Amino acid sequence: MSELQINTTQNVKIMFTAAGAGERLVAFIIDGAVKVGYYLILSEIFGIFQHMDEWSQIGINTILSLPVVFYSLVLESFFQGQTLGKRLVKIRVVKIDGYQATLSDYAVRWFFRVVDVYIFAAGFFVILFNKKNQRIGDMAAGTAVIMLRDKVNISHTILENLKADYKPTYPNVIRLSDNDARIIKDTFVSARMAKDYETLIKLRKKIIEVVGIKDVKQSNDTQFIDVILKDYNFYTQDM
């Protein structure tokens, strides 16, 4: 497995495992099966129109084919870099600069599928010889596909479990964006699991600087960052 280093907007480096050609091929096959299933269902449902004239058939087929054509673009945009196949294989598209991938990034990847998939499967061979396991579309969009080692749960999002009587400590956390909070949590979880205390110190200093905290109540870096994330959720949960 190739290791992929992502420099986040908090100037912290996070290591991920890049999804290999094998995982990506399995996800592609699963997505292909979904598309074939869709066509089979349509064939059964719309078979009654088989006696239409040729132009009517072309028009209907074109419209009904749109979900397949835009399948990966729509699902990756709505499910944060995952299609059904990627979700089952536990891989995800991310930006290598630490930002959340946008619709335009997914659109670039989708556009280059013409080269990556349909021209001698060029993307598959590019992945094999690319250090970051990127296909041509990934390189054009500045994205990569990473492995998700664990099941996606609340610890992998910006959400935190808050008690009903929770009282926040730092009101200034509202200066953060959802993307900031997501990056902080991803970095926090990774550094804590790896016992990377240097990264936790850097992250604490960056949070204090960005949020503008004058009086830090917690002496422990882990406790401080945990409170920051809980406070952010407290102030934004109803927004």
Protein backbone atom coordinates (compact mmCIF):
# COMPACT_ATOMS: atom_id res chain seq x y z
CA MET A 1 0.00 0.00 0.00
CA SER A 2 1.22 3.50 -0.83
CA GLU A 3 1.26 6.14 1.91
CA LEU A 4 -0.30 9.48 0.99
CA GLN A 5 0.69 12.62 2.89
CA ILE A 6 -1.89 15.42 2.96
CA ASN A 7 -0.96 18.91 4.12
CA THR A 8 -4.06 20.37 5.74
CA THR A 9 -5.09 24.01 5.94
CA GLN A 10 -3.89 23.93 9.56
CA ASN A 11 -0.34 23.24 8.25
CA VAL A 12 -0.42 19.75 9.77
CA LYS A 13 0.65 16.71 7.78
CA ILE A 14 -1.62 13.67 7.92
CA MET A 15 -0.73 10.24 6.57
CA PHE A 16 -3.33 8.16 4.75
CA THR A 17 -3.14 4.88 2.87
CA ALA A 18 -3.84 5.45 -0.81
CA ALA A 19 -6.36 3.04 -2.31
CA GLY A 20 -4.65 0.68 -4.73
CA ALA A 21 -5.69 -0.31 -8.23
CA GLY A 22 -7.29 -3.48 -6.84
CA GLU A 23 -9.65 -1.70 -4.44
CA ARG A 24 -10.57 0.87 -7.04
CA LEU A 25 -11.23 -1.85 -9.64
CA VAL A 26 -13.56 -3.70 -7.24
CA ALA A 27 -15.44 -0.45 -6.54
CA PHE A 28 -15.66 0.18 -10.30
CA ILE A 29 -17.09 -3.31 -10.88
CA ILE A 30 -19.69 -2.83 -8.13
CA ASP A 31 -20.73 0.52 -9.60
CA GLY A 32 -20.87 -1.12 -13.03
CA ALA A 33 -23.16 -3.82 -11.66
CA VAL A 34 -25.46 -1.12 -10.23
CA LYS A 35 -25.65 0.53 -13.65
CA VAL A 36 -26.36 -2.78 -15.39
CA GLY A 37 -29.09 -3.53 -12.83
CA TYR A 38 -30.60 -0.13 -13.53
CA TYR A 39 -30.69 -0.86 -17.27
CA LEU A 40 -32.26 -4.29 -16.68
CA ILE A 41 -35.00 -2.77 -14.55
CA LEU A 42 -35.67 -0.13 -17.19
CA SER A 43 -35.81 -2.81 -19.86
CA GLU A 44 -38.56 -4.57 -17.97
CA ILE A 45 -40.50 -1.43 -17.09
CA PHE A 46 -40.25 0.37 -20.41
CA GLY A 47 -40.39 -2.64 -22.68
CA ILE A 48 -43.95 -1.63 -23.53
CA PHE A 49 -42.51 1.25 -25.56
CA GLN A 50 -40.51 -1.01 -27.88
CA HIS A 51 -42.98 -0.47 -30.71
CA MET A 52 -42.42 3.31 -30.74
CA ASP A 53 -40.83 4.95 -33.75
CA GLU A 54 -37.02 5.17 -33.85
CA TRP A 55 -36.71 8.85 -32.83
CA SER A 56 -39.05 8.38 -29.86
CA GLN A 57 -36.95 5.43 -28.72
CA ILE A 58 -33.74 7.46 -29.04
CA GLY A 59 -35.24 10.32 -27.04
CA ILE A 60 -36.48 8.06 -24.23
CA ASN A 61 -33.22 6.09 -24.10
CA THR A 62 -31.21 9.31 -23.91
CA ILE A 63 -33.23 10.64 -20.99
CA LEU A 64 -33.23 7.35 -19.11
CA SER A 65 -29.46 7.00 -19.59
CA LEU A 66 -28.66 10.28 -17.81
CA PRO A 67 -28.52 8.70 -14.30
CA VAL A 68 -25.88 6.26 -15.56
CA VAL A 69 -23.89 8.93 -17.39
CA PHE A 70 -23.75 11.21 -14.33
CA TYR A 71 -23.72 8.41 -11.72
CA SER A 72 -20.24 8.97 -10.30
CA LEU A 73 -20.42 12.78 -10.49
CA VAL A 74 -23.71 13.00 -8.59
CA LEU A 75 -22.94 10.39 -5.93
CA GLU A 76 -19.41 11.64 -5.20
CA SER A 77 -20.77 15.19 -4.88
CA PHE A 78 -23.55 14.25 -2.48
CA PHE A 79 -21.72 11.56 -0.48
CA GLN A 80 -18.39 13.34 0.08
CA GLY A 81 -16.30 11.46 -2.46
CA GLN A 82 -18.02 8.09 -2.44
CA THR A 83 -20.15 6.11 -4.86
CA LEU A 84 -21.96 2.94 -3.78
CA GLY A 85 -18.95 0.89 -4.87
CA LYS A 86 -16.48 3.10 -3.01
CA ARG A 87 -18.62 3.00 0.12
CA LEU A 88 -18.74 -0.81 0.11
CA VAL A 89 -14.98 -1.07 -0.48
CA LYS A 90 -14.38 1.70 2.09
CA ILE A 91 -12.47 4.14 -0.06
CA ARG A 92 -13.05 7.85 -0.65
CA VAL A 93 -11.99 10.71 -2.91
CA VAL A 94 -10.15 13.54 -1.08
CA LYS A 95 -8.23 16.66 -2.04
CA ILE A 96 -4.49 16.31 -1.55
CA ASP A 97 -4.23 19.92 -0.33
CA GLY A 98 -6.40 19.25 2.71
CA TYR A 99 -9.52 21.06 1.49
CA GLN A 100 -12.89 19.40 0.98
CA ALA A 101 -13.31 18.38 -2.67
CA THR A 102 -15.85 20.55 -4.49
CA LEU A 103 -18.32 19.92 -7.28
CA SER A 104 -15.82 21.28 -9.79
CA ASP A 105 -13.18 18.80 -8.56
CA TYR A 106 -15.58 15.89 -8.96
CA ALA A 107 -16.59 17.24 -12.38
CA VAL A 108 -12.96 17.23 -13.56
CA ARG A 109 -12.53 13.62 -12.37
CA TRP A 110 -15.78 12.67 -14.09
CA PHE A 111 -14.78 14.35 -17.37
CA PHE A 112 -11.45 12.50 -17.51
CA ARG A 113 -13.22 9.12 -17.17
CA VAL A 114 -13.40 9.26 -20.95
CA VAL A 115 -9.62 8.83 -21.02
CA ASP A 116 -9.16 6.83 -17.82
CA VAL A 117 -11.83 4.22 -18.48
CA TYR A 118 -12.85 4.18 -22.10
CA ILE A 119 -9.49 4.63 -23.86
CA PHE A 120 -7.74 1.30 -23.27
CA ALA A 121 -8.38 1.65 -19.51
CA ALA A 122 -5.48 4.11 -19.38
CA GLY A 123 -6.34 5.21 -15.84
CA PHE A 124 -5.79 1.71 -14.44
CA PHE A 125 -2.23 1.57 -15.74
CA VAL A 126 -1.51 5.13 -14.63
CA ILE A 127 -2.57 4.15 -11.08
CA LEU A 128 -0.13 1.23 -11.10
CA PHE A 129 2.84 3.47 -11.86
CA ASN A 130 1.83 6.57 -9.87
CA LYS A 131 3.28 7.08 -6.38
CA LYS A 132 -0.02 8.46 -5.08
CA ASN A 133 -2.10 5.86 -6.94
CA GLN A 134 -3.80 8.64 -8.91
CA ARG A 135 -5.47 8.22 -12.26
CA ILE A 136 -5.30 10.98 -14.87
CA GLY A 137 -8.55 12.52 -13.60
CA ASP A 138 -7.15 12.64 -10.05
CA MET A 139 -4.00 14.42 -11.20
CA ALA A 140 -6.06 16.97 -13.13
CA ALA A 141 -8.40 17.61 -10.17
CA GLY A 142 -5.73 17.49 -7.45
CA THR A 143 -7.45 14.57 -5.75
CA ALA A 144 -6.57 11.09 -4.55
CA VAL A 145 -8.50 8.07 -3.31
CA ILE A 146 -7.76 6.90 0.23
CA MET A 147 -8.61 3.83 2.27
CA LEU A 148 -11.01 4.17 5.19
CA ARG A 149 -9.68 1.68 7.70
CA ASP A 150 -12.64 1.88 10.07
CA LYS A 151 -16.38 2.08 9.72
CA VAL A 152 -17.71 5.58 9.29
CA ASN A 153 -19.33 6.74 12.51
CA ILE A 154 -19.69 9.90 14.57
CA SER A 155 -15.96 9.98 15.32
CA HIS A 156 -15.24 10.45 11.60
CA THR A 157 -17.42 13.55 11.28
CA ILE A 158 -17.43 16.98 12.90
CA LEU A 159 -20.27 15.85 15.15
CA GLU A 160 -19.70 15.27 18.86
CA ASN A 161 -21.82 13.58 21.52
CA LEU A 162 -23.01 16.38 23.80
CA LYS A 163 -24.77 16.01 27.13
CA ALA A 164 -28.08 17.84 27.53
CA ASP A 165 -26.58 20.15 30.17
CA TYR A 166 -23.35 20.83 28.27
CA LYS A 167 -21.94 24.33 28.84
CA PRO A 168 -19.51 25.73 26.23
CA THR A 169 -16.20 27.34 27.15
CA TYR A 170 -15.05 29.18 24.02
CA PRO A 171 -17.74 31.22 22.19
CA ASN A 172 -15.17 32.33 19.60
CA VAL A 173 -15.22 28.88 17.99
CA ILE A 174 -17.95 30.20 15.69
CA ARG A 175 -15.10 31.79 13.71
CA LEU A 176 -14.35 28.29 12.41
CA SER A 177 -16.04 26.85 9.35
CA ASP A 178 -17.36 23.30 9.02
CA ASN A 179 -14.33 22.51 6.90
CA ASP A 180 -12.00 23.87 9.61
CA ALA A 181 -13.75 21.76 12.24
CA ARG A 182 -13.57 18.66 10.07
CA ILE A 183 -9.85 19.10 9.48
CA ILE A 184 -9.23 19.73 13.18
CA LYS A 185 -11.11 16.59 14.14
CA ASP A 186 -9.43 14.40 11.50
CA THR A 187 -6.00 15.65 12.60
CA PHE A 188 -6.88 15.30 16.27
CA VAL A 189 -8.11 11.72 15.92
CA SER A 190 -5.09 10.66 13.82
CA ALA A 191 -2.54 12.32 16.12
CA ARG A 192 -4.14 10.98 19.28
CA MET A 193 -4.21 7.42 17.97
CA ALA A 194 -0.57 7.69 16.88
CA LYS A 195 0.40 9.42 20.15
CA ASP A 196 1.85 12.19 18.01
CA TYR A 197 2.15 14.82 20.74
CA GLU A 198 4.11 17.23 18.54
CA THR A 199 1.20 17.44 16.10
CA LEU A 200 -1.27 17.95 18.96
CA ILE A 201 0.82 20.87 20.25
CA LYS A 202 0.96 22.45 16.78
CA LEU A 203 -2.77 21.95 16.34
CA ARG A 204 -3.54 23.55 19.72
CA LYS A 205 -1.38 26.59 18.90
CA LYS A 206 -3.02 26.99 15.49
CA ILE A 207 -6.53 26.79 16.99
CA ILE A 208 -5.67 29.41 19.61
CA GLU A 209 -4.31 31.69 16.89
CA VAL A 210 -7.23 31.27 14.46
CA VAL A 211 -10.03 31.37 17.05
CA GLY A 212 -8.40 34.18 19.03
CA ILE A 213 -8.45 32.55 22.46
CA LYS A 214 -6.83 34.65 25.18
CA ASP A 215 -7.37 32.41 28.19
CA VAL A 216 -6.98 28.64 27.74
CA LYS A 217 -8.84 26.77 30.48
CA GLN A 218 -7.30 23.33 29.87
CA SER A 219 -3.63 22.54 30.45
CA ASN A 220 -3.83 19.30 28.46
CA ASP A 221 -3.72 19.57 24.64
CA THR A 222 -6.08 16.63 24.15
CA GLN A 223 -8.68 18.02 26.54
CA PHE A 224 -8.45 21.49 24.98
CA ILE A 225 -9.02 20.27 21.40
CA ASP A 226 -11.84 18.00 22.56
CA VAL A 227 -13.57 20.99 24.20
CA ILE A 228 -13.09 23.09 21.05
CA LEU A 229 -14.86 20.47 18.93
CA LYS A 230 -17.70 20.10 21.43
CA ASP A 231 -18.11 23.87 21.68
CA TYR A 232 -18.23 24.19 17.90
CA ASN A 233 -20.99 21.59 17.74
CA PHE A 234 -22.88 23.29 20.57
CA TYR A 235 -22.97 26.66 18.79
CA THR A 236 -23.64 25.31 15.28
CA GLN A 237 -25.96 22.36 15.84
CA ASP A 238 -29.06 24.47 15.19
CA MET A 239 -27.63 26.59 12.38
